[in-house]
Amino acid sequence: MLRAYGPGCDGSTIDASRQLIPNNASWIDLEEPTREEEALVERCIGVEVPTQADITEIEPSSRLYRRGNALYMTISTLTGVTEDEPTTTPLAFVLTDNRLVTLRYQSPKPVRAFIEHARREPELVADATTALIRLLDAIIDRLADELESLGGMIEEISNHIFDKKIEARRIPAEKLTALLTRIGRGQTLLAKIRYSAVSVARMLNFLASSSRLHGKSMDDARIHVSSLIVDVTSLSEHATFQSDNLIFLLDASLGLISIEQNAAMKLFSWAAVVFLPPTLIAGIFGMNFHYFPELSLHYGYYISLVLMLASAILPYLYFRWRRWI
């Protein structure tokens, strides 16, 4: 799918077999493009468009490079959060003197949101550099929103684990499984956010060091890029902080599991000690020997009951006195 944005361009889909890209288009968006659409864009901008295999490379030298007057840059964009399946997808940028080309095979939420903003506010895509910086700004804002939402979830989990009421900390097995799953999925989302933030930071540093932003007319753009570098660096540090919090909560959850298991084993242990002496006495008096001294006692049965009861009560009282139970 091929769309064009800029002065006089409303982002309508362009049929590569019948239409041409408007000359005043500052941003050309390729979403799951066909070879015909790629060829049209290449004729329009005068440089090659990277393939899907090119943008999936992870080494920086394959993601950030200059070829002629064009800058080729690829980042990993967070997607799938709304569907509860967070992942990253490559988003490629080709920046020429007067055109910005984006190449993607999925539709991350910040890109969709920026497209709507660009249709309402055409000045966001007045030129290629402005469109690039504003789009990166939208992507970084999305990462910040996800970190903020994740921070609320972490606080909720923390309040549940460290509830002041001890009884409230006792979690049934199914709820405990759900809690551990929630922590694990939160950690997965944080890993994707950090991965995306690192890739954006690398691209911003590459863009800031290029000659494209060193002209006098690019002062505002250069300042904006510098502020975005500070923002994404802060987000990476905050993501690391939240990751440490999640690891701490995971350890605390495992500690609660250990406490519950120890309490259960303690219960079985003192129960075994309490019922073992009566069992021993009952076993002795239940032996079927012919010459048994106590068989002729008139109150032997009652004496055995008293002995079994005393042998159960005395260990229990001793444990309570030592505060073991």
C-alpha atoms as a PDB file:
ATOM      1  CA  MET A   1       0.000   0.000   0.000  1.00  0.00           C
ATOM      2  CA  LEU A   2       1.368   3.377  -1.044  1.00  0.00           C
ATOM      3  CA  ARG A   3       0.334   6.712   0.439  1.00  0.00           C
ATOM      4  CA  ALA A   4       1.742  10.234   0.132  1.00  0.00           C
ATOM      5  CA  TYR A   5       1.549  13.101   2.623  1.00  0.00           C
ATOM      6  CA  GLY A   6       2.599  16.716   2.460  1.00  0.00           C
ATOM      7  CA  PRO A   7       1.359  20.026   1.081  1.00  0.00           C
ATOM      8  CA  GLY A   8      -1.714  19.223  -1.000  1.00  0.00           C
ATOM      9  CA  CYS A   9      -1.505  15.461  -0.231  1.00  0.00           C
ATOM     10  CA  ASP A  10      -4.184  13.963   1.995  1.00  0.00           C
ATOM     11  CA  GLY A  11      -2.697  10.478   2.355  1.00  0.00           C
ATOM     12  CA  SER A  12      -4.988   8.789  -0.130  1.00  0.00           C
ATOM     13  CA  THR A  13      -3.872   5.435  -1.472  1.00  0.00           C
ATOM     14  CA  ILE A  14      -1.913   5.695  -4.738  1.00  0.00           C
ATOM     15  CA  ASP A  15      -2.402   3.069  -7.439  1.00  0.00           C
ATOM     16  CA  ALA A  16       1.113   2.433  -8.714  1.00  0.00           C
ATOM     17  CA  SER A  17      -0.190   1.154 -12.054  1.00  0.00           C
ATOM     18  CA  ARG A  18      -2.223   4.289 -12.820  1.00  0.00           C
ATOM     19  CA  GLN A  19      -1.000   7.161 -10.689  1.00  0.00           C
ATOM     20  CA  LEU A  20       2.220   8.987  -9.961  1.00  0.00           C
ATOM     21  CA  ILE A  21       3.466  10.331  -6.650  1.00  0.00           C
ATOM     22  CA  PRO A  22       2.712  14.085  -6.365  1.00  0.00           C
ATOM     23  CA  ASN A  23       5.768  16.290  -6.701  1.00  0.00           C
ATOM     24  CA  ASN A  24       4.955  18.167  -3.477  1.00  0.00           C
ATOM     25  CA  ALA A  25       4.718  15.003  -1.351  1.00  0.00           C
ATOM     26  CA  SER A  26       7.164  15.228   1.543  1.00  0.00           C
ATOM     27  CA  TRP A  27       6.400  11.845   3.113  1.00  0.00           C
ATOM     28  CA  ILE A  28       5.855   8.634   1.195  1.00  0.00           C
ATOM     29  CA  ASP A  29       4.578   5.731   3.303  1.00  0.00           C
ATOM     30  CA  LEU A  30       4.986   2.154   2.077  1.00  0.00           C
ATOM     31  CA  GLU A  31       3.012  -0.465   3.985  1.00  0.00           C
ATOM     32  CA  GLU A  32       3.561  -4.044   2.815  1.00  0.00           C
ATOM     33  CA  PRO A  33       4.478  -2.696  -0.628  1.00  0.00           C
ATOM     34  CA  THR A  34       4.355  -4.570  -3.892  1.00  0.00           C
ATOM     35  CA  ARG A  35       7.328  -4.593  -6.227  1.00  0.00           C
ATOM     36  CA  GLU A  36       5.445  -2.206  -8.523  1.00  0.00           C
ATOM     37  CA  GLU A  37       4.992   0.287  -5.691  1.00  0.00           C
ATOM     38  CA  GLU A  38       8.643   0.030  -4.693  1.00  0.00           C
ATOM     39  CA  ALA A  39       9.710   0.674  -8.278  1.00  0.00           C
ATOM     40  CA  LEU A  40       7.482   3.765  -8.469  1.00  0.00           C
ATOM     41  CA  VAL A  41       8.985   5.167  -5.262  1.00  0.00           C
ATOM     42  CA  GLU A  42      12.526   4.449  -6.461  1.00  0.00           C
ATOM     43  CA  ARG A  43      11.869   6.365  -9.689  1.00  0.00           C
ATOM     44  CA  CYS A  44      10.402   9.218  -7.669  1.00  0.00           C
ATOM     45  CA  ILE A  45      13.204   9.643  -5.108  1.00  0.00           C
ATOM     46  CA  GLY A  46      16.074   8.443  -7.280  1.00  0.00           C
ATOM     47  CA  VAL A  47      17.456   5.935  -4.767  1.00  0.00           C
ATOM     48  CA  GLU A  48      16.791   2.298  -3.947  1.00  0.00           C
ATOM     49  CA  VAL A  49      14.212   1.273  -1.370  1.00  0.00           C
ATOM     50  CA  PRO A  50      15.468  -1.363   1.102  1.00  0.00           C
ATOM     51  CA  THR A  51      13.919  -4.810   0.971  1.00  0.00           C
ATOM     52  CA  GLN A  52      12.209  -6.615   3.840  1.00  0.00           C
ATOM     53  CA  ALA A  53      15.335  -8.715   4.335  1.00  0.00           C
ATOM     54  CA  ASP A  54      17.448  -5.551   4.578  1.00  0.00           C
ATOM     55  CA  ILE A  55      15.382  -3.947   7.343  1.00  0.00           C
ATOM     56  CA  THR A  56      15.291  -7.106   9.471  1.00  0.00           C
ATOM     57  CA  GLU A  57      19.066  -7.058   9.934  1.00  0.00           C
ATOM     58  CA  ILE A  58      20.001  -6.256  13.524  1.00  0.00           C
ATOM     59  CA  GLU A  59      23.603  -5.046  13.232  1.00  0.00           C
ATOM     60  CA  PRO A  60      23.913  -1.240  13.369  1.00  0.00           C
ATOM     61  CA  SER A  61      25.946  -1.087  10.155  1.00  0.00           C
ATOM     62  CA  SER A  62      22.999  -2.585   8.263  1.00  0.00           C
ATOM     63  CA  ARG A  63      20.444  -0.351   9.924  1.00  0.00           C
ATOM     64  CA  LEU A  64      22.176   3.029   9.880  1.00  0.00           C
ATOM     65  CA  TYR A  65      24.155   4.077   6.812  1.00  0.00           C
ATOM     66  CA  ARG A  66      24.457   6.721   4.128  1.00  0.00           C
ATOM     67  CA  ARG A  67      24.275   6.054   0.435  1.00  0.00           C
ATOM     68  CA  GLY A  68      24.820   9.097  -1.733  1.00  0.00           C
ATOM     69  CA  ASN A  69      22.652  11.922  -0.453  1.00  0.00           C
ATOM     70  CA  ALA A  70      20.191   9.555   1.215  1.00  0.00           C
ATOM     71  CA  LEU A  71      20.187   8.424   4.834  1.00  0.00           C
ATOM     72  CA  TYR A  72      18.995   4.870   5.465  1.00  0.00           C
ATOM     73  CA  MET A  73      17.786   4.286   9.011  1.00  0.00           C
ATOM     74  CA  THR A  74      15.840   1.420  10.603  1.00  0.00           C
ATOM     75  CA  ILE A  75      14.390   1.165  14.103  1.00  0.00           C
ATOM     76  CA  SER A  76      12.457  -1.495  15.994  1.00  0.00           C
ATOM     77  CA  THR A  77       9.002  -0.174  16.811  1.00  0.00           C
ATOM     78  CA  LEU A  78       6.844  -1.511  19.644  1.00  0.00           C
ATOM     79  CA  THR A  79       3.600  -3.108  18.487  1.00  0.00           C
ATOM     80  CA  GLY A  80       1.007  -5.656  19.613  1.00  0.00           C
ATOM     81  CA  VAL A  81       0.531  -4.186  23.102  1.00  0.00           C
ATOM     82  CA  THR A  82      -3.221  -3.689  22.639  1.00  0.00           C
ATOM     83  CA  GLU A  83      -3.554  -7.344  21.607  1.00  0.00           C
ATOM     84  CA  ASP A  84      -1.544  -8.352  24.708  1.00  0.00           C
ATOM     85  CA  GLU A  85       1.164  -9.782  22.437  1.00  0.00           C
ATOM     86  CA  PRO A  86       3.955  -7.178  22.637  1.00  0.00           C
ATOM     87  CA  THR A  87       6.645  -7.437  20.015  1.00  0.00           C
ATOM     88  CA  THR A  88       8.767  -5.194  17.826  1.00  0.00           C
ATOM     89  CA  THR A  89       8.622  -4.659  14.111  1.00  0.00           C
ATOM     90  CA  PRO A  90      11.210  -2.957  11.873  1.00  0.00           C
ATOM     91  CA  LEU A  91      10.374   0.495  10.562  1.00  0.00           C
ATOM     92  CA  ALA A  92      12.738   1.791   7.869  1.00  0.00           C
ATOM     93  CA  PHE A  93      13.342   5.422   6.910  1.00  0.00           C
ATOM     94  CA  VAL A  94      14.947   6.749   3.730  1.00  0.00           C
ATOM     95  CA  LEU A  95      15.621  10.462   4.034  1.00  0.00           C
ATOM     96  CA  THR A  96      16.594  12.373   0.894  1.00  0.00           C
ATOM     97  CA  ASP A  97      16.903  16.103   0.332  1.00  0.00           C
ATOM     98  CA  ASN A  98      13.176  16.651  -0.020  1.00  0.00           C
ATOM     99  CA  ARG A  99      11.489  13.294   0.568  1.00  0.00           C
ATOM    100  CA  LEU A 100      10.997  10.930   3.471  1.00  0.00           C
ATOM    101  CA  VAL A 101      10.129   7.317   2.677  1.00  0.00           C
ATOM    102  CA  THR A 102       8.953   4.927   5.385  1.00  0.00           C
ATOM    103  CA  LEU A 103       8.828   1.187   4.816  1.00  0.00           C
ATOM    104  CA  ARG A 104       6.928  -1.140   7.169  1.00  0.00           C
ATOM    105  CA  TYR A 105       5.203  -4.500   7.156  1.00  0.00           C
ATOM    106  CA  GLN A 106       3.014  -3.893  10.189  1.00  0.00           C
ATOM    107  CA  SER A 107       1.060  -0.884  11.470  1.00  0.00           C
ATOM    108  CA  PRO A 108       2.334   0.167  14.905  1.00  0.00           C
ATOM    109  CA  LYS A 109      -0.071   2.313  16.871  1.00  0.00           C
ATOM    110  CA  PRO A 110       2.135   5.470  16.965  1.00  0.00           C
ATOM    111  CA  VAL A 111       2.428   5.405  13.159  1.00  0.00           C
ATOM    112  CA  ARG A 112      -1.344   5.108  12.768  1.00  0.00           C
ATOM    113  CA  ALA A 113      -1.835   7.939  15.261  1.00  0.00           C
ATOM    114  CA  PHE A 114       0.696  10.151  13.479  1.00  0.00           C
ATOM    115  CA  ILE A 115      -1.039   9.549  10.155  1.00  0.00           C
ATOM    116  CA  GLU A 116      -4.290  10.862  11.636  1.00  0.00           C
ATOM    117  CA  HIS A 117      -2.482  13.891  13.085  1.00  0.00           C
ATOM    118  CA  ALA A 118      -0.811  14.575   9.731  1.00  0.00           C
ATOM    119  CA  ARG A 119      -4.178  14.598   7.995  1.00  0.00           C
ATOM    120  CA  ARG A 120      -5.565  17.095  10.490  1.00  0.00           C
ATOM    121  CA  GLU A 121      -2.371  19.171  10.759  1.00  0.00           C
ATOM    122  CA  PRO A 122      -0.522  19.223   7.411  1.00  0.00           C
ATOM    123  CA  GLU A 123       2.261  21.373   8.901  1.00  0.00           C
ATOM    124  CA  LEU A 124       3.543  18.222  10.673  1.00  0.00           C
ATOM    125  CA  VAL A 125       4.678  16.946   7.277  1.00  0.00           C
ATOM    126  CA  ALA A 126       5.559  20.283   5.686  1.00  0.00           C
ATOM    127  CA  ASP A 127       8.980  18.898   4.732  1.00  0.00           C
ATOM    128  CA  ALA A 128      10.801  15.576   4.947  1.00  0.00           C
ATOM    129  CA  THR A 129      12.943  16.378   7.997  1.00  0.00           C
ATOM    130  CA  THR A 130       9.984  17.721   9.971  1.00  0.00           C
ATOM    131  CA  ALA A 131       7.933  14.639   9.123  1.00  0.00           C
ATOM    132  CA  LEU A 132      10.770  12.365  10.273  1.00  0.00           C
ATOM    133  CA  ILE A 133      11.299  14.155  13.581  1.00  0.00           C
ATOM    134  CA  ARG A 134       7.589  14.385  14.335  1.00  0.00           C
ATOM    135  CA  LEU A 135       7.095  10.706  13.590  1.00  0.00           C
ATOM    136  CA  LEU A 136       9.971   9.774  15.897  1.00  0.00           C
ATOM    137  CA  ASP A 137       8.439  12.047  18.537  1.00  0.00           C
ATOM    138  CA  ALA A 138       5.165  10.114  18.267  1.00  0.00           C
ATOM    139  CA  ILE A 139       6.998   6.794  18.624  1.00  0.00           C
ATOM    140  CA  ILE A 140       8.841   7.980  21.730  1.00  0.00           C
ATOM    141  CA  ASP A 141       5.602   9.315  23.229  1.00  0.00           C
ATOM    142  CA  ARG A 142       4.054   5.891  22.744  1.00  0.00           C
ATOM    143  CA  LEU A 143       6.942   4.249  24.598  1.00  0.00           C
ATOM    144  CA  ALA A 144       6.478   6.732  27.448  1.00  0.00           C
ATOM    145  CA  ASP A 145       2.752   5.935  27.629  1.00  0.00           C
ATOM    146  CA  GLU A 146       3.438   2.211  27.843  1.00  0.00           C
ATOM    147  CA  LEU A 147       6.023   2.739  30.585  1.00  0.00           C
ATOM    148  CA  GLU A 148       3.539   4.848  32.532  1.00  0.00           C
ATOM    149  CA  SER A 149       0.855   2.171  32.208  1.00  0.00           C
ATOM    150  CA  LEU A 150       3.334  -0.512  33.214  1.00  0.00           C
ATOM    151  CA  GLY A 151       4.338   1.553  36.257  1.00  0.00           C
ATOM    152  CA  GLY A 152       0.716   1.511  37.444  1.00  0.00           C
ATOM    153  CA  MET A 153       0.595  -2.263  37.061  1.00  0.00           C
ATOM    154  CA  ILE A 154       3.838  -2.665  39.028  1.00  0.00           C
ATOM    155  CA  GLU A 155       2.458  -0.516  41.852  1.00  0.00           C
ATOM    156  CA  GLU A 156      -0.726  -2.595  41.939  1.00  0.00           C
ATOM    157  CA  ILE A 157       1.252  -5.838  42.161  1.00  0.00           C
ATOM    158  CA  SER A 158       3.477  -4.373  44.884  1.00  0.00           C
ATOM    159  CA  ASN A 159       0.475  -3.293  46.981  1.00  0.00           C
ATOM    160  CA  HIS A 160      -0.981  -6.785  46.692  1.00  0.00           C
ATOM    161  CA  ILE A 161       2.213  -8.598  47.641  1.00  0.00           C
ATOM    162  CA  PHE A 162       3.093  -6.292  50.540  1.00  0.00           C
ATOM    163  CA  ASP A 163      -0.409  -5.835  51.925  1.00  0.00           C
ATOM    164  CA  LYS A 164      -0.463  -4.803  55.589  1.00  0.00           C
ATOM    165  CA  LYS A 165      -2.916  -7.599  56.384  1.00  0.00           C
ATOM    166  CA  ILE A 166      -1.023 -10.853  56.513  1.00  0.00           C
ATOM    167  CA  GLU A 167      -4.078 -12.866  55.553  1.00  0.00           C
ATOM    168  CA  ALA A 168      -4.415 -10.799  52.367  1.00  0.00           C
ATOM    169  CA  ARG A 169      -0.988 -11.996  51.265  1.00  0.00           C
ATOM    170  CA  ARG A 170      -2.159 -15.606  51.197  1.00  0.00           C
ATOM    171  CA  ILE A 171      -2.847 -16.218  47.542  1.00  0.00           C
ATOM    172  CA  PRO A 172      -4.590 -19.328  46.154  1.00  0.00           C
ATOM    173  CA  ALA A 173      -2.633 -21.370  43.668  1.00  0.00           C
ATOM    174  CA  GLU A 174      -4.584 -20.203  40.612  1.00  0.00           C
ATOM    175  CA  LYS A 175      -4.265 -16.524  41.599  1.00  0.00           C
ATOM    176  CA  LEU A 176      -0.589 -17.005  42.358  1.00  0.00           C
ATOM    177  CA  THR A 177      -0.096 -18.481  38.907  1.00  0.00           C
ATOM    178  CA  ALA A 178      -1.878 -15.489  37.394  1.00  0.00           C
ATOM    179  CA  LEU A 179       0.308 -13.121  39.445  1.00  0.00           C
ATOM    180  CA  LEU A 180       3.537 -14.748  38.285  1.00  0.00           C
ATOM    181  CA  THR A 181       2.249 -14.726  34.707  1.00  0.00           C
ATOM    182  CA  ARG A 182       1.448 -11.022  35.025  1.00  0.00           C
ATOM    183  CA  ILE A 183       4.946 -10.281  36.286  1.00  0.00           C
ATOM    184  CA  GLY A 184       6.466 -12.314  33.473  1.00  0.00           C
ATOM    185  CA  ARG A 185       4.426 -10.572  30.789  1.00  0.00           C
ATOM    186  CA  GLY A 186       5.319  -7.201  32.287  1.00  0.00           C
ATOM    187  CA  GLN A 187       8.997  -8.109  32.084  1.00  0.00           C
ATOM    188  CA  THR A 188       8.526  -9.175  28.454  1.00  0.00           C
ATOM    189  CA  LEU A 189       6.892  -5.842  27.619  1.00  0.00           C
ATOM    190  CA  LEU A 190       9.729  -3.974  29.348  1.00  0.00           C
ATOM    191  CA  ALA A 191      12.291  -5.895  27.316  1.00  0.00           C
ATOM    192  CA  LYS A 192      10.528  -4.908  24.091  1.00  0.00           C
ATOM    193  CA  ILE A 193      10.303  -1.265  25.214  1.00  0.00           C
ATOM    194  CA  ARG A 194      14.000  -1.155  26.053  1.00  0.00           C
ATOM    195  CA  TYR A 195      14.912  -2.786  22.754  1.00  0.00           C
ATOM    196  CA  SER A 196      12.830  -0.248  20.849  1.00  0.00           C
ATOM    197  CA  ALA A 197      14.197   2.677  22.872  1.00  0.00           C
ATOM    198  CA  VAL A 198      17.799   1.617  22.229  1.00  0.00           C
ATOM    199  CA  SER A 199      17.200   1.356  18.480  1.00  0.00           C
ATOM    200  CA  VAL A 200      15.538   4.804  18.422  1.00  0.00           C
ATOM    201  CA  ALA A 201      18.426   6.307  20.417  1.00  0.00           C
ATOM    202  CA  ARG A 202      20.961   4.887  17.943  1.00  0.00           C
ATOM    203  CA  MET A 203      19.040   6.328  15.022  1.00  0.00           C
ATOM    204  CA  LEU A 204      18.717   9.755  16.652  1.00  0.00           C
ATOM    205  CA  ASN A 205      22.441   9.876  17.364  1.00  0.00           C
ATOM    206  CA  PHE A 206      23.171   8.860  13.778  1.00  0.00           C
ATOM    207  CA  LEU A 207      20.811  11.536  12.490  1.00  0.00           C
ATOM    208  CA  ALA A 208      22.265  14.198  14.792  1.00  0.00           C
ATOM    209  CA  SER A 209      25.809  13.431  13.635  1.00  0.00           C
ATOM    210  CA  SER A 210      24.906  13.596   9.935  1.00  0.00           C
ATOM    211  CA  SER A 211      25.465  16.693   7.849  1.00  0.00           C
ATOM    212  CA  ARG A 212      21.723  16.883   7.183  1.00  0.00           C
ATOM    213  CA  LEU A 213      21.115  18.806  10.417  1.00  0.00           C
ATOM    214  CA  HIS A 214      24.175  21.061  10.348  1.00  0.00           C
ATOM    215  CA  GLY A 215      22.785  23.862   8.193  1.00  0.00           C
ATOM    216  CA  LYS A 216      21.615  27.156   9.656  1.00  0.00           C
ATOM    217  CA  SER A 217      18.050  26.435   8.591  1.00  0.00           C
ATOM    218  CA  MET A 218      18.145  23.234  10.653  1.00  0.00           C
ATOM    219  CA  ASP A 219      18.699  24.831  14.062  1.00  0.00           C
ATOM    220  CA  ASP A 220      15.180  24.037  15.266  1.00  0.00           C
ATOM    221  CA  ALA A 221      15.361  20.486  13.938  1.00  0.00           C
ATOM    222  CA  ARG A 222      18.744  19.939  15.578  1.00  0.00           C
ATOM    223  CA  ILE A 223      17.417  21.189  18.930  1.00  0.00           C
ATOM    224  CA  HIS A 224      14.363  18.951  18.600  1.00  0.00           C
ATOM    225  CA  VAL A 225      16.525  15.909  17.851  1.00  0.00           C
ATOM    226  CA  SER A 226      18.723  16.689  20.863  1.00  0.00           C
ATOM    227  CA  SER A 227      15.659  16.842  23.107  1.00  0.00           C
ATOM    228  CA  LEU A 228      14.422  13.529  21.694  1.00  0.00           C
ATOM    229  CA  ILE A 229      17.798  11.940  22.482  1.00  0.00           C
ATOM    230  CA  VAL A 230      17.471  13.103  26.090  1.00  0.00           C
ATOM    231  CA  ASP A 231      13.884  11.801  26.239  1.00  0.00           C
ATOM    232  CA  VAL A 232      14.627   8.353  24.870  1.00  0.00           C
ATOM    233  CA  THR A 233      17.708   8.012  27.089  1.00  0.00           C
ATOM    234  CA  SER A 234      15.571   8.844  30.119  1.00  0.00           C
ATOM    235  CA  LEU A 235      13.000   6.276  29.007  1.00  0.00           C
ATOM    236  CA  SER A 236      15.692   3.604  28.739  1.00  0.00           C
ATOM    237  CA  GLU A 237      16.891   4.379  32.255  1.00  0.00           C
ATOM    238  CA  HIS A 238      13.334   4.348  33.586  1.00  0.00           C
ATOM    239  CA  ALA A 239      12.682   1.014  31.872  1.00  0.00           C
ATOM    240  CA  THR A 240      15.773  -0.399  33.590  1.00  0.00           C
ATOM    241  CA  PHE A 241      14.487   0.884  36.933  1.00  0.00           C
ATOM    242  CA  GLN A 242      11.084  -0.733  36.379  1.00  0.00           C
ATOM    243  CA  SER A 243      12.733  -3.964  35.299  1.00  0.00           C
ATOM    244  CA  ASP A 244      14.633  -4.056  38.596  1.00  0.00           C
ATOM    245  CA  ASN A 245      11.345  -3.492  40.431  1.00  0.00           C
ATOM    246  CA  LEU A 246       9.709  -6.381  38.606  1.00  0.00           C
ATOM    247  CA  ILE A 247      12.612  -8.682  39.439  1.00  0.00           C
ATOM    248  CA  PHE A 248      12.272  -7.662  43.104  1.00  0.00           C
ATOM    249  CA  LEU A 249       8.521  -8.379  43.016  1.00  0.00           C
ATOM    250  CA  LEU A 250       9.194 -11.746  41.411  1.00  0.00           C
ATOM    251  CA  ASP A 251      11.643 -12.614  44.197  1.00  0.00           C
ATOM    252  CA  ALA A 252       9.092 -11.444  46.783  1.00  0.00           C
ATOM    253  CA  SER A 253       6.398 -13.609  45.195  1.00  0.00           C
ATOM    254  CA  LEU A 254       8.670 -16.627  45.251  1.00  0.00           C
ATOM    255  CA  GLY A 255       9.435 -15.803  48.896  1.00  0.00           C
ATOM    256  CA  LEU A 256       5.718 -15.864  49.722  1.00  0.00           C
ATOM    257  CA  ILE A 257       5.444 -19.234  48.008  1.00  0.00           C
ATOM    258  CA  SER A 258       8.340 -20.531  50.099  1.00  0.00           C
ATOM    259  CA  ILE A 259       6.733 -19.237  53.303  1.00  0.00           C
ATOM    260  CA  GLU A 260       3.436 -20.936  52.463  1.00  0.00           C
ATOM    261  CA  GLN A 261       5.221 -24.197  51.689  1.00  0.00           C
ATOM    262  CA  ASN A 262       7.199 -24.042  54.935  1.00  0.00           C
ATOM    263  CA  ALA A 263       4.007 -23.363  56.896  1.00  0.00           C
ATOM    264  CA  ALA A 264       2.372 -26.396  55.307  1.00  0.00           C
ATOM    265  CA  MET A 265       5.374 -28.610  56.045  1.00  0.00           C
ATOM    266  CA  LYS A 266       5.486 -27.285  59.607  1.00  0.00           C
ATOM    267  CA  LEU A 267       1.833 -28.225  60.072  1.00  0.00           C
ATOM    268  CA  PHE A 268       2.461 -31.752  58.845  1.00  0.00           C
ATOM    269  CA  SER A 269       5.556 -32.051  61.049  1.00  0.00           C
ATOM    270  CA  TRP A 270       3.935 -31.151  64.364  1.00  0.00           C
ATOM    271  CA  ALA A 271       0.818 -33.145  63.423  1.00  0.00           C
ATOM    272  CA  ALA A 272       3.030 -36.196  62.894  1.00  0.00           C
ATOM    273  CA  VAL A 273       4.734 -35.645  66.279  1.00  0.00           C
ATOM    274  CA  VAL A 274       1.370 -35.235  68.067  1.00  0.00           C
ATOM    275  CA  PHE A 275      -0.220 -38.356  66.593  1.00  0.00           C
ATOM    276  CA  LEU A 276       2.851 -40.590  66.628  1.00  0.00           C
ATOM    277  CA  PRO A 277       2.856 -41.421  70.411  1.00  0.00           C
ATOM    278  CA  PRO A 278      -0.863 -42.367  70.461  1.00  0.00           C
ATOM    279  CA  THR A 279      -0.282 -44.534  67.425  1.00  0.00           C
ATOM    280  CA  LEU A 280       2.626 -46.216  69.187  1.00  0.00           C
ATOM    281  CA  ILE A 281       0.560 -46.898  72.314  1.00  0.00           C
ATOM    282  CA  ALA A 282      -2.379 -48.152  70.256  1.00  0.00           C
ATOM    283  CA  GLY A 283       0.001 -50.420  68.363  1.00  0.00           C
ATOM    284  CA  ILE A 284       1.437 -51.872  71.587  1.00  0.00           C
ATOM    285  CA  PHE A 285      -1.956 -52.589  73.103  1.00  0.00           C
ATOM    286  CA  GLY A 286      -3.244 -53.941  69.847  1.00  0.00           C
ATOM    287  CA  MET A 287      -0.693 -56.778  69.684  1.00  0.00           C
ATOM    288  CA  ASN A 288      -2.257 -60.254  69.809  1.00  0.00           C
ATOM    289  CA  PHE A 289       0.142 -62.131  72.096  1.00  0.00           C
ATOM    290  CA  HIS A 290      -1.427 -64.818  74.298  1.00  0.00           C
ATOM    291  CA  TYR A 291       0.580 -63.853  77.396  1.00  0.00           C
ATOM    292  CA  PHE A 292      -0.013 -60.147  77.613  1.00  0.00           C
ATOM    293  CA  PRO A 293       0.404 -58.665  81.145  1.00  0.00           C
ATOM    294  CA  GLU A 294      -2.191 -55.889  80.738  1.00  0.00           C
ATOM    295  CA  LEU A 295      -4.915 -58.075  79.232  1.00  0.00           C
ATOM    296  CA  SER A 296      -6.181 -59.027  82.684  1.00  0.00           C
ATOM    297  CA  LEU A 297      -6.436 -55.402  83.945  1.00  0.00           C
ATOM    298  CA  HIS A 298     -10.021 -54.376  84.578  1.00  0.00           C
ATOM    299  CA  TYR A 299      -9.393 -50.747  83.559  1.00  0.00           C
ATOM    300  CA  GLY A 300      -6.685 -51.466  80.956  1.00  0.00           C
ATOM    301  CA  TYR A 301      -8.756 -50.134  78.082  1.00  0.00           C
ATOM    302  CA  TYR A 302      -9.420 -46.813  79.816  1.00  0.00           C
ATOM    303  CA  ILE A 303      -5.807 -46.541  80.906  1.00  0.00           C
ATOM    304  CA  SER A 304      -4.666 -46.964  77.285  1.00  0.00           C
ATOM    305  CA  LEU A 305      -7.096 -44.247  76.145  1.00  0.00           C
ATOM    306  CA  VAL A 306      -5.777 -41.867  78.812  1.00  0.00           C
ATOM    307  CA  LEU A 307      -2.174 -42.620  77.808  1.00  0.00           C
ATOM    308  CA  MET A 308      -2.905 -41.980  74.130  1.00  0.00           C
ATOM    309  CA  LEU A 309      -4.714 -38.741  74.913  1.00  0.00           C
ATOM    310  CA  ALA A 310      -1.917 -37.546  77.224  1.00  0.00           C
ATOM    311  CA  SER A 311       0.775 -38.468  74.694  1.00  0.00           C
ATOM    312  CA  ALA A 312      -1.016 -36.285  72.107  1.00  0.00           C
ATOM    313  CA  ILE A 313      -1.772 -33.313  74.371  1.00  0.00           C
ATOM    314  CA  LEU A 314       1.627 -33.023  76.062  1.00  0.00           C
ATOM    315  CA  PRO A 315       3.662 -32.538  72.816  1.00  0.00           C
ATOM    316  CA  TYR A 316       1.052 -30.053  71.600  1.00  0.00           C
ATOM    317  CA  LEU A 317       1.304 -28.002  74.796  1.00  0.00           C
ATOM    318  CA  TYR A 318       5.093 -28.164  74.663  1.00  0.00           C
ATOM    319  CA  PHE A 319       5.117 -26.833  71.083  1.00  0.00           C
ATOM    320  CA  ARG A 320       2.764 -24.024  72.051  1.00  0.00           C
ATOM    321  CA  TRP A 321       4.952 -23.183  75.048  1.00  0.00           C
ATOM    322  CA  ARG A 322       8.015 -22.958  72.786  1.00  0.00           C
ATOM    323  CA  ARG A 323       5.946 -20.953  70.267  1.00  0.00           C
ATOM    324  CA  TRP A 324       6.727 -23.348  67.489  1.00  0.00           C
ATOM    325  CA  ILE A 325       3.060 -23.431  66.454  1.00  0.00           C
END
